[in-house]
Amino acid sequence: MGDVEIDTAMAKEIQRSSSYIDIDDSSHLHEHSIEVQLPFLQYVYGSFKFVPICMMMQDLEVSLDVGQAVASAVSRKNAAVIASTDLSHYVAQSVAEEKDRLVIDAILKLDEARLQSVVEEHGISMCGYGPTSVAIVAAKKLGTKDTRLLSYKTSGDITGDFSQVVGYASVVLAK
């Protein structure tokens, strides 16, 4: 659907406000979540600018720092913060539902520390718990009060094979 322009001014503002962010184009070479999101955003919004952030270090300290930097940069703009991740990977449907519910509950409660701890304590193979924590931190700083689970599904819901599924959820954090 065409190229999408990076908002370099906002990217630099986020970088200046964070102790951890480096500008590194190569970090996006093998990351695919942004390329999956962009066509949907182009369809809904048409033309827009965006700031891609790829996180290698996903611990709570980094997530707090980056979340605060993102919130500071977008607080005066008409912007959306999007985090993309899968949930449980290659476990039975019942296990995915149980583990993913812990993650979803932490997100709905806007509790980034709880999210991080349930991922670690329960061995949840969630790819993007750091970016999700960043989104929670930014959302709280920006005044989010409304959290809603829009949908939860697994790959088994599509394939019919419930023996080894991947979990997916769509959650909105809004003012």
Protein backbone atom coordinates (compact mmCIF):
# COMPACT_ATOMS: atom_id res chain seq x y z
CA MET A 1 0.00 0.00 0.00
CA GLY A 2 3.03 2.27 -0.33
CA ASP A 3 5.65 3.72 1.93
CA VAL A 4 4.90 5.22 5.34
CA GLU A 5 7.02 8.11 6.51
CA ILE A 6 8.88 7.85 9.81
CA ASP A 7 8.33 10.81 12.12
CA THR A 8 12.02 11.54 12.65
CA ALA A 9 11.39 14.53 14.93
CA MET A 10 9.29 12.43 17.30
CA ALA A 11 11.77 9.54 17.07
CA LYS A 12 14.58 11.86 18.14
CA GLU A 13 12.45 13.27 20.96
CA ILE A 14 11.76 9.76 22.26
CA GLN A 15 15.43 8.87 21.97
CA ARG A 16 16.51 12.00 23.88
CA SER A 17 14.05 11.21 26.69
CA SER A 18 15.18 7.59 27.10
CA SER A 19 18.32 6.17 28.64
CA TYR A 20 18.06 3.04 26.49
CA ILE A 21 16.93 3.90 22.97
CA ASP A 22 19.43 3.98 20.11
CA ILE A 23 18.60 4.73 16.50
CA ASP A 24 19.50 1.48 14.75
CA ASP A 25 17.86 0.71 11.40
CA SER A 26 19.33 -2.81 11.40
CA SER A 27 17.23 -3.79 14.45
CA HIS A 28 14.17 -3.90 12.19
CA LEU A 29 15.64 -6.18 9.51
CA HIS A 30 14.31 -9.43 11.01
CA GLU A 31 11.32 -8.01 12.90
CA HIS A 32 7.93 -8.44 11.24
CA SER A 33 5.28 -7.10 13.61
CA ILE A 34 5.43 -3.55 12.24
CA GLU A 35 5.07 -4.67 8.62
CA VAL A 36 1.97 -6.62 9.63
CA GLN A 37 0.40 -3.57 11.32
CA LEU A 38 1.14 -0.95 8.65
CA PRO A 39 -1.35 -2.08 5.95
CA PHE A 40 -4.20 -2.01 8.47
CA LEU A 41 -3.17 1.45 9.66
CA GLN A 42 -2.88 2.68 6.07
CA TYR A 43 -6.35 1.36 5.31
CA VAL A 44 -7.86 3.09 8.37
CA TYR A 45 -5.83 6.32 8.49
CA GLY A 46 -4.56 6.79 4.95
CA SER A 47 -1.47 8.96 5.23
CA PHE A 48 0.33 9.24 8.56
CA LYS A 49 3.79 9.22 10.11
CA PHE A 50 4.98 6.67 12.63
CA VAL A 51 7.89 5.80 14.91
CA PRO A 52 8.90 2.12 14.88
CA ILE A 53 10.44 0.86 18.11
CA CYS A 54 11.96 -2.60 18.34
CA MET A 55 12.96 -3.82 21.81
CA MET A 56 15.74 -6.27 22.49
CA MET A 57 15.81 -5.68 26.28
CA GLN A 58 12.28 -6.15 27.60
CA ASP A 59 12.71 -5.98 31.37
CA LEU A 60 10.65 -3.72 33.62
CA GLU A 61 13.32 -1.04 34.05
CA VAL A 62 13.69 -0.57 30.30
CA SER A 63 9.93 -0.73 29.76
CA LEU A 64 9.34 2.01 32.35
CA ASP A 65 11.99 4.23 30.77
CA VAL A 66 10.77 3.77 27.20
CA GLY A 67 7.09 4.03 28.19
CA GLN A 68 7.70 7.36 29.90
CA ALA A 69 9.70 8.62 26.91
CA VAL A 70 6.94 7.61 24.49
CA ALA A 71 4.23 9.21 26.64
CA SER A 72 6.19 12.43 26.91
CA ALA A 73 6.69 12.62 23.14
CA VAL A 74 3.07 11.88 22.19
CA SER A 75 1.35 13.84 24.98
CA ARG A 76 0.98 16.95 22.80
CA LYS A 77 0.11 15.09 19.60
CA ASN A 78 -2.82 13.25 18.08
CA ALA A 79 -1.20 9.83 18.29
CA ALA A 80 -1.84 6.18 19.04
CA VAL A 81 0.59 3.85 20.79
CA ILE A 82 0.46 0.30 19.43
CA ALA A 83 2.21 -2.76 20.82
CA SER A 84 2.20 -5.99 18.87
CA THR A 85 2.85 -9.44 20.30
CA ASP A 86 1.71 -13.03 20.24
CA LEU A 87 0.81 -14.65 23.53
CA SER A 88 1.48 -18.32 24.36
CA HIS A 89 3.24 -20.39 21.71
CA TYR A 90 2.78 -24.08 20.84
CA VAL A 91 0.93 -25.25 23.91
CA ALA A 92 -2.43 -27.00 24.24
CA GLN A 93 -5.51 -24.78 23.91
CA SER A 94 -6.40 -25.15 27.60
CA VAL A 95 -2.87 -24.17 28.67
CA ALA A 96 -2.85 -21.18 26.31
CA GLU A 97 -6.20 -19.99 27.61
CA GLU A 98 -5.04 -20.24 31.23
CA LYS A 99 -1.66 -18.55 30.71
CA ASP A 100 -2.95 -15.93 28.30
CA ARG A 101 -5.71 -14.98 30.75
CA LEU A 102 -3.01 -14.03 33.29
CA VAL A 103 -1.39 -11.75 30.70
CA ILE A 104 -4.69 -10.23 29.60
CA ASP A 105 -5.75 -9.57 33.21
CA ALA A 106 -2.49 -7.72 33.91
CA ILE A 107 -2.94 -5.61 30.78
CA LEU A 108 -6.57 -4.80 31.61
CA LYS A 109 -5.47 -3.73 35.11
CA LEU A 110 -2.74 -1.52 33.56
CA ASP A 111 -0.17 -3.36 35.67
CA GLU A 112 3.11 -3.61 33.78
CA ALA A 113 4.95 -5.09 36.79
CA ARG A 114 2.35 -7.86 37.07
CA LEU A 115 2.56 -8.52 33.34
CA GLN A 116 6.31 -8.95 33.58
CA SER A 117 6.06 -11.21 36.64
CA VAL A 118 3.36 -13.53 35.22
CA VAL A 119 5.35 -13.97 32.01
CA GLU A 120 8.41 -14.96 34.03
CA GLU A 121 6.69 -16.99 36.77
CA HIS A 122 4.52 -19.02 34.39
CA GLY A 123 7.01 -19.41 31.55
CA ILE A 124 4.71 -17.66 29.08
CA SER A 125 6.32 -17.52 25.65
CA MET A 126 4.94 -14.06 24.85
CA CYS A 127 7.26 -12.37 22.33
CA GLY A 128 6.53 -8.73 23.12
CA TYR A 129 5.95 -8.40 26.84
CA GLY A 130 8.39 -5.45 26.87
CA PRO A 131 6.56 -3.43 24.19
CA THR A 132 3.25 -4.30 25.85
CA SER A 133 4.65 -3.05 29.16
CA VAL A 134 5.79 0.14 27.38
CA ALA A 135 2.26 0.66 26.05
CA ILE A 136 0.81 0.20 29.55
CA VAL A 137 3.27 2.69 31.07
CA ALA A 138 2.59 5.24 28.32
CA ALA A 139 -1.18 4.71 28.57
CA LYS A 140 -1.18 5.35 32.33
CA LYS A 141 0.97 8.46 31.96
CA LEU A 142 -1.41 9.72 29.25
CA GLY A 143 -4.46 9.26 31.49
CA THR A 144 -5.93 5.98 30.31
CA LYS A 145 -8.89 4.81 32.35
CA ASP A 146 -10.78 2.54 29.96
CA THR A 147 -9.38 -0.91 29.17
CA ARG A 148 -11.24 -3.44 27.05
CA LEU A 149 -10.55 -6.88 25.69
CA LEU A 150 -11.91 -6.81 22.14
CA SER A 151 -11.14 -10.41 21.24
CA TYR A 152 -9.13 -13.45 22.30
CA LYS A 153 -8.49 -16.33 19.92
CA THR A 154 -5.89 -18.96 19.25
CA SER A 155 -4.56 -20.44 16.05
CA GLY A 156 -6.63 -23.52 16.93
CA ASP A 157 -9.78 -21.50 16.40
CA ILE A 158 -8.77 -21.22 12.73
CA THR A 159 -7.00 -24.53 12.06
CA GLY A 160 -9.09 -26.79 14.29
CA ASP A 161 -5.89 -28.24 15.81
CA PHE A 162 -6.01 -27.45 19.53
CA SER A 163 -2.97 -29.54 20.48
CA GLN A 164 -0.39 -26.77 19.88
CA VAL A 165 -1.76 -23.27 19.51
CA VAL A 166 -0.56 -19.69 19.54
CA GLY A 167 -2.65 -17.16 21.49
CA TYR A 168 -3.73 -13.74 20.23
CA ALA A 169 -5.64 -10.92 21.91
CA SER A 170 -6.76 -7.47 20.92
CA VAL A 171 -6.91 -5.03 23.82
CA VAL A 172 -7.70 -1.31 23.81
CA LEU A 173 -6.35 1.10 26.41
CA ALA A 174 -8.22 4.41 26.00
CA LYS A 175 -8.87 7.65 27.86
